[in-house]
Amino acid sequence: MWKWISLACLLTLAACASPEQRAAEIAAQQQADHAECTRLGFKPNTEAFSNCLLKLQEIRAQEENTQALDRANAPRPWGPWGPYNPYGPYY
């Protein structure tokens, strides 16, 4: 029994990203955004270029928010009485 619990804990921890991995993901995203704004014709170190970078971040944040809302509003396979609805079947 304890073997399975230990294995589940190890697998859960393995799925987490380390701070170094997260920093690398952020750097890669920033580099991709920089390349996209350059491809669109904005000159680096200008206000328009900064606005382009900001707009790309805003779009990504909105997409993440939309995905989170979609997940929250997805139908539950166990119905409204499932474990994640503390108020019962009445919304």
C-alpha atoms as a PDB file:
ATOM      1  CA  MET A   1       0.000   0.000   0.000  1.00  0.00           C
ATOM      2  CA  TRP A   2       2.717   2.491   0.980  1.00  0.00           C
ATOM      3  CA  LYS A   3       4.599   1.625  -2.181  1.00  0.00           C
ATOM      4  CA  TRP A   4       1.692   2.867  -4.294  1.00  0.00           C
ATOM      5  CA  ILE A   5       1.284   6.045  -2.273  1.00  0.00           C
ATOM      6  CA  SER A   6       5.013   6.754  -2.589  1.00  0.00           C
ATOM      7  CA  LEU A   7       4.891   6.102  -6.313  1.00  0.00           C
ATOM      8  CA  ALA A   8       1.912   8.432  -6.731  1.00  0.00           C
ATOM      9  CA  CYS A   9       3.741  11.176  -4.808  1.00  0.00           C
ATOM     10  CA  LEU A  10       6.869  10.774  -6.919  1.00  0.00           C
ATOM     11  CA  LEU A  11       4.890  10.919 -10.155  1.00  0.00           C
ATOM     12  CA  THR A  12       3.076  14.022  -8.962  1.00  0.00           C
ATOM     13  CA  LEU A  13       6.341  15.755  -8.125  1.00  0.00           C
ATOM     14  CA  ALA A  14       7.869  14.710 -11.436  1.00  0.00           C
ATOM     15  CA  ALA A  15       5.024  16.464 -13.264  1.00  0.00           C
ATOM     16  CA  CYS A  16       5.860  19.813 -11.641  1.00  0.00           C
ATOM     17  CA  ALA A  17       8.155  22.206 -13.446  1.00  0.00           C
ATOM     18  CA  SER A  18      11.230  23.423 -11.630  1.00  0.00           C
ATOM     19  CA  PRO A  19      11.922  27.172 -11.366  1.00  0.00           C
ATOM     20  CA  GLU A  20      14.693  26.763 -13.936  1.00  0.00           C
ATOM     21  CA  GLN A  21      12.327  25.058 -16.373  1.00  0.00           C
ATOM     22  CA  ARG A  22       9.705  27.762 -15.851  1.00  0.00           C
ATOM     23  CA  ALA A  23      12.331  30.489 -16.409  1.00  0.00           C
ATOM     24  CA  ALA A  24      13.417  28.768 -19.629  1.00  0.00           C
ATOM     25  CA  GLU A  25       9.793  28.603 -20.818  1.00  0.00           C
ATOM     26  CA  ILE A  26       9.311  32.311 -20.101  1.00  0.00           C
ATOM     27  CA  ALA A  27      12.553  33.207 -21.909  1.00  0.00           C
ATOM     28  CA  ALA A  28      11.537  31.115 -24.925  1.00  0.00           C
ATOM     29  CA  GLN A  29       8.112  32.803 -25.006  1.00  0.00           C
ATOM     30  CA  GLN A  30       9.692  36.255 -24.798  1.00  0.00           C
ATOM     31  CA  GLN A  31      12.065  35.371 -27.621  1.00  0.00           C
ATOM     32  CA  ALA A  32       9.141  34.131 -29.739  1.00  0.00           C
ATOM     33  CA  ASP A  33       7.187  37.323 -29.012  1.00  0.00           C
ATOM     34  CA  HIS A  34      10.234  39.432 -29.958  1.00  0.00           C
ATOM     35  CA  ALA A  35      10.574  37.527 -33.224  1.00  0.00           C
ATOM     36  CA  GLU A  36       6.851  37.895 -33.978  1.00  0.00           C
ATOM     37  CA  CYS A  37       6.849  41.656 -33.424  1.00  0.00           C
ATOM     38  CA  THR A  38       9.984  41.980 -35.569  1.00  0.00           C
ATOM     39  CA  ARG A  39       8.333  39.868 -38.289  1.00  0.00           C
ATOM     40  CA  LEU A  40       5.314  42.170 -38.177  1.00  0.00           C
ATOM     41  CA  GLY A  41       7.607  45.110 -38.972  1.00  0.00           C
ATOM     42  CA  PHE A  42       8.026  46.791 -35.593  1.00  0.00           C
ATOM     43  CA  LYS A  43      11.468  48.192 -34.825  1.00  0.00           C
ATOM     44  CA  PRO A  44      13.039  47.010 -31.542  1.00  0.00           C
ATOM     45  CA  ASN A  45      13.447  49.555 -28.730  1.00  0.00           C
ATOM     46  CA  THR A  46      10.501  51.645 -29.879  1.00  0.00           C
ATOM     47  CA  GLU A  47       7.185  52.348 -28.189  1.00  0.00           C
ATOM     48  CA  ALA A  48       5.304  50.543 -30.962  1.00  0.00           C
ATOM     49  CA  PHE A  49       7.482  47.448 -30.465  1.00  0.00           C
ATOM     50  CA  SER A  50       6.798  47.525 -26.715  1.00  0.00           C
ATOM     51  CA  ASN A  51       3.077  47.853 -27.416  1.00  0.00           C
ATOM     52  CA  CYS A  52       3.284  44.842 -29.725  1.00  0.00           C
ATOM     53  CA  LEU A  53       4.939  42.769 -26.984  1.00  0.00           C
ATOM     54  CA  LEU A  54       2.331  43.904 -24.472  1.00  0.00           C
ATOM     55  CA  LYS A  55      -0.524  43.056 -26.833  1.00  0.00           C
ATOM     56  CA  LEU A  56       0.846  39.542 -27.367  1.00  0.00           C
ATOM     57  CA  GLN A  57       0.985  39.048 -23.583  1.00  0.00           C
ATOM     58  CA  GLU A  58      -2.581  40.317 -23.232  1.00  0.00           C
ATOM     59  CA  ILE A  59      -3.794  37.940 -25.939  1.00  0.00           C
ATOM     60  CA  ARG A  60      -2.060  34.992 -24.248  1.00  0.00           C
ATOM     61  CA  ALA A  61      -3.542  35.928 -20.850  1.00  0.00           C
ATOM     62  CA  GLN A  62      -7.027  36.183 -22.369  1.00  0.00           C
ATOM     63  CA  GLU A  63      -6.619  32.775 -24.032  1.00  0.00           C
ATOM     64  CA  GLU A  64      -5.538  31.231 -20.722  1.00  0.00           C
ATOM     65  CA  ASN A  65      -8.511  32.836 -18.978  1.00  0.00           C
ATOM     66  CA  THR A  66     -10.906  31.535 -21.636  1.00  0.00           C
ATOM     67  CA  GLN A  67      -9.476  28.024 -21.321  1.00  0.00           C
ATOM     68  CA  ALA A  68      -9.840  28.144 -17.526  1.00  0.00           C
ATOM     69  CA  LEU A  69     -13.469  29.250 -17.855  1.00  0.00           C
ATOM     70  CA  ASP A  70     -14.138  26.498 -20.386  1.00  0.00           C
ATOM     71  CA  ARG A  71     -12.694  23.914 -17.990  1.00  0.00           C
ATOM     72  CA  ALA A  72     -14.739  25.313 -15.088  1.00  0.00           C
ATOM     73  CA  ASN A  73     -17.958  25.272 -17.118  1.00  0.00           C
ATOM     74  CA  ALA A  74     -17.416  21.868 -18.720  1.00  0.00           C
ATOM     75  CA  PRO A  75     -20.124  19.332 -17.943  1.00  0.00           C
ATOM     76  CA  ARG A  76     -19.171  16.996 -15.146  1.00  0.00           C
ATOM     77  CA  PRO A  77     -19.387  13.291 -15.987  1.00  0.00           C
ATOM     78  CA  TRP A  78     -20.805  12.551 -12.519  1.00  0.00           C
ATOM     79  CA  GLY A  79     -23.518  15.217 -12.733  1.00  0.00           C
ATOM     80  CA  PRO A  80     -24.078  18.257 -10.545  1.00  0.00           C
ATOM     81  CA  TRP A  81     -23.845  16.152  -7.377  1.00  0.00           C
ATOM     82  CA  GLY A  82     -20.129  15.528  -7.888  1.00  0.00           C
ATOM     83  CA  PRO A  83     -17.402  16.133  -5.343  1.00  0.00           C
ATOM     84  CA  TYR A  84     -16.484  19.564  -6.698  1.00  0.00           C
ATOM     85  CA  ASN A  85     -19.902  21.152  -6.194  1.00  0.00           C
ATOM     86  CA  PRO A  86     -20.246  21.974  -2.488  1.00  0.00           C
ATOM     87  CA  TYR A  87     -23.731  23.460  -3.003  1.00  0.00           C
ATOM     88  CA  GLY A  88     -25.405  20.328  -4.287  1.00  0.00           C
ATOM     89  CA  PRO A  89     -27.342  19.997  -7.540  1.00  0.00           C
ATOM     90  CA  TYR A  90     -28.695  23.545  -7.480  1.00  0.00           C
ATOM     91  CA  TYR A  91     -26.550  26.075  -9.266  1.00  0.00           C
END
